[in-house]
Amino acid sequence: MDPTALYYLIAALLVLVGLAGTVLPALPGLPLMFAGMLLAAWAGDFQHVGAPTLTVLAVLTVISMAVDVWATAHGAKRVGASRLAMLGAALGTLFGIFLGLPGLLLGPFAGAVAGELLHRRNLQAGTLGHAAKVGAGTWLGILLGTALKLALAFAMLGLFALAWWL
């Protein structure tokens, strides 16, 4: 097999796995997509896709990583979370990355609940209910983040395709 064809095949696989990773929390979706697009540009000697397009794609990738953390914290804020709960949600997301799928699903919720309980400093039923509401808000934030990442993923695909064929 021609090495260039192999590079294109690996690049396509990276993009497909990255696209799946925008929905599956255990995979770094947009960074994988960017790696695939960078490999495809390199395999084509940067004739179709050059530095300006790759720079925009890199910026969109960084934005997608920030969206993950921001959306979770924003979801917590929308349900009246304290600053400690928002910090807990962000930290739960970051630490959850290292624990795989269960950590990514439970980390933001647990971090927000723990942060809210630390803020309230009591374990009465009303406080526990509010903390659970804050945790649920983080889940909504995760859904918002997934939708934003999907939009960024398709924007990246469109930009890459446009640069490739123009």
Protein backbone atom coordinates (compact mmCIF):
# COMPACT_ATOMS: atom_id res chain seq x y z
CA MET A 1 0.00 0.00 0.00
CA ASP A 2 1.20 3.48 -0.85
CA PRO A 3 2.28 5.37 2.32
CA THR A 4 0.24 8.45 1.33
CA ALA A 5 -2.91 6.34 0.99
CA LEU A 6 -2.20 4.84 4.42
CA TYR A 7 -1.86 8.34 5.93
CA TYR A 8 -5.18 9.36 4.39
CA LEU A 9 -6.82 6.20 5.76
CA ILE A 10 -5.48 6.87 9.27
CA ALA A 11 -6.57 10.51 8.98
CA ALA A 12 -10.10 9.45 7.99
CA LEU A 13 -10.26 7.02 10.91
CA LEU A 14 -9.13 9.73 13.33
CA VAL A 15 -11.81 12.08 12.03
CA LEU A 16 -14.53 9.41 12.30
CA VAL A 17 -13.49 8.38 15.82
CA GLY A 18 -13.27 12.06 16.76
CA LEU A 19 -16.77 12.69 15.43
CA ALA A 20 -18.03 9.83 17.59
CA GLY A 21 -16.09 11.34 20.49
CA THR A 22 -18.13 14.53 20.35
CA VAL A 23 -21.03 12.47 21.70
CA LEU A 24 -19.17 9.78 23.65
CA PRO A 25 -17.62 11.45 26.69
CA ALA A 26 -14.72 9.01 26.98
CA LEU A 27 -13.12 10.14 23.70
CA PRO A 28 -11.47 13.53 23.05
CA GLY A 29 -13.63 14.21 19.99
CA LEU A 30 -12.47 17.43 18.41
CA PRO A 31 -8.77 16.99 19.25
CA LEU A 32 -8.91 13.63 17.41
CA MET A 33 -10.68 15.25 14.48
CA PHE A 34 -8.05 17.98 14.35
CA ALA A 35 -5.26 15.38 14.45
CA GLY A 36 -6.87 13.57 11.51
CA MET A 37 -7.25 16.78 9.53
CA LEU A 38 -3.67 17.79 10.28
CA LEU A 39 -2.44 14.37 9.15
CA ALA A 40 -4.46 14.62 5.92
CA ALA A 41 -3.07 18.12 5.25
CA TRP A 42 0.46 16.86 5.91
CA ALA A 43 -0.04 13.79 3.69
CA GLY A 44 -1.08 16.15 0.89
CA ASP A 45 2.02 18.33 1.46
CA PHE A 46 -0.28 21.15 2.63
CA GLN A 47 -1.29 21.73 -1.02
CA HIS A 48 -5.04 21.63 -0.33
CA VAL A 49 -5.18 22.75 3.28
CA GLY A 50 -2.64 25.30 4.46
CA ALA A 51 -1.58 27.06 7.63
CA PRO A 52 -4.46 29.60 7.78
CA THR A 53 -7.10 26.87 7.67
CA LEU A 54 -5.20 24.70 10.13
CA THR A 55 -4.87 27.66 12.50
CA VAL A 56 -8.63 28.21 12.46
CA LEU A 57 -9.19 24.48 13.01
CA ALA A 58 -6.77 24.54 15.95
CA VAL A 59 -8.58 27.51 17.50
CA LEU A 60 -11.94 25.72 17.10
CA THR A 61 -10.41 22.67 18.80
CA VAL A 62 -9.25 24.75 21.77
CA ILE A 63 -12.68 26.40 21.96
CA SER A 64 -14.31 22.95 22.05
CA MET A 65 -12.17 21.95 25.03
CA ALA A 66 -13.16 25.13 26.88
CA VAL A 67 -16.82 24.51 25.99
CA ASP A 68 -16.71 21.20 27.87
CA VAL A 69 -15.76 22.87 31.14
CA TRP A 70 -17.82 26.04 30.62
CA ALA A 71 -21.09 24.33 29.70
CA THR A 72 -21.06 22.16 32.79
CA ALA A 73 -20.37 25.10 35.07
CA HIS A 74 -22.99 27.21 33.24
CA GLY A 75 -25.62 24.52 33.71
CA ALA A 76 -24.95 24.61 37.44
CA LYS A 77 -25.19 28.39 37.53
CA ARG A 78 -28.58 28.41 35.77
CA VAL A 79 -30.16 26.48 38.65
CA GLY A 80 -28.84 28.85 41.30
CA ALA A 81 -25.59 27.15 42.13
CA SER A 82 -23.03 28.86 44.31
CA ARG A 83 -19.52 29.63 43.11
CA LEU A 84 -18.30 26.60 45.04
CA ALA A 85 -20.80 24.41 43.20
CA MET A 86 -19.67 25.77 39.81
CA LEU A 87 -16.04 25.23 40.81
CA GLY A 88 -16.97 21.74 41.98
CA ALA A 89 -18.68 20.98 38.66
CA ALA A 90 -15.64 22.16 36.70
CA LEU A 91 -13.25 20.20 38.92
CA GLY A 92 -15.50 17.15 38.76
CA THR A 93 -15.38 17.34 34.98
CA LEU A 94 -11.60 17.66 34.95
CA PHE A 95 -11.05 14.84 37.43
CA GLY A 96 -13.71 12.71 35.75
CA ILE A 97 -11.65 12.68 32.57
CA PHE A 98 -9.09 10.46 34.33
CA LEU A 99 -11.73 7.98 35.53
CA GLY A 100 -13.16 7.14 32.13
CA LEU A 101 -16.85 7.03 31.27
CA PRO A 102 -18.19 6.67 34.84
CA GLY A 103 -16.05 9.60 35.97
CA LEU A 104 -17.19 11.75 33.08
CA LEU A 105 -20.82 11.01 33.81
CA LEU A 106 -20.68 11.27 37.59
CA GLY A 107 -17.80 13.71 38.13
CA PRO A 108 -19.61 16.93 37.22
CA PHE A 109 -22.72 15.93 39.18
CA ALA A 110 -20.75 14.89 42.27
CA GLY A 111 -18.52 17.97 42.09
CA ALA A 112 -21.50 20.32 41.88
CA VAL A 113 -23.33 18.60 44.73
CA ALA A 114 -20.21 18.60 46.92
CA GLY A 115 -19.50 22.25 46.16
CA GLU A 116 -23.07 23.27 46.96
CA LEU A 117 -23.05 21.31 50.21
CA LEU A 118 -19.76 22.96 51.18
CA HIS A 119 -21.29 26.34 50.43
CA ARG A 120 -24.46 25.67 52.48
CA ARG A 121 -22.56 23.88 55.28
CA ASN A 122 -25.47 21.75 56.40
CA LEU A 123 -27.15 18.50 55.44
CA GLN A 124 -30.82 19.36 55.97
CA ALA A 125 -33.37 17.96 53.53
CA GLY A 126 -33.89 21.31 51.77
CA THR A 127 -30.17 21.75 51.27
CA LEU A 128 -29.80 18.22 49.92
CA GLY A 129 -32.68 18.82 47.49
CA HIS A 130 -31.15 22.05 46.25
CA ALA A 131 -27.75 20.38 45.88
CA ALA A 132 -29.37 17.61 43.80
CA LYS A 133 -31.06 20.28 41.64
CA VAL A 134 -27.65 21.87 41.12
CA GLY A 135 -26.23 18.47 40.15
CA ALA A 136 -29.04 18.00 37.63
CA GLY A 137 -28.24 21.42 36.20
CA THR A 138 -24.73 20.21 35.50
CA TRP A 139 -26.18 17.34 33.46
CA LEU A 140 -28.13 19.86 31.39
CA GLY A 141 -24.90 21.77 30.95
CA ILE A 142 -23.24 18.61 29.67
CA LEU A 143 -26.03 18.23 27.11
CA LEU A 144 -25.56 21.85 26.04
CA GLY A 145 -21.82 21.27 25.76
CA THR A 146 -22.38 18.20 23.59
CA ALA A 147 -24.64 20.17 21.25
CA LEU A 148 -22.05 22.96 20.98
CA LYS A 149 -19.26 20.45 20.33
CA LEU A 150 -21.31 18.83 17.57
CA ALA A 151 -21.82 22.23 15.96
CA LEU A 152 -18.07 22.90 16.16
CA ALA A 153 -17.30 19.45 14.74
CA PHE A 154 -19.47 20.03 11.69
CA ALA A 155 -18.07 23.52 11.27
CA MET A 156 -14.57 22.03 11.28
CA LEU A 157 -15.56 19.38 8.74
CA GLY A 158 -17.12 21.99 6.49
CA LEU A 159 -14.13 24.32 6.72
CA PHE A 160 -11.71 21.49 5.98
CA ALA A 161 -13.76 20.26 3.01
CA LEU A 162 -14.09 23.79 1.67
CA ALA A 163 -10.34 24.38 1.93
CA TRP A 164 -9.60 20.97 0.36
CA TRP A 165 -11.76 21.46 -2.72
CA LEU A 166 -11.26 25.16 -3.36
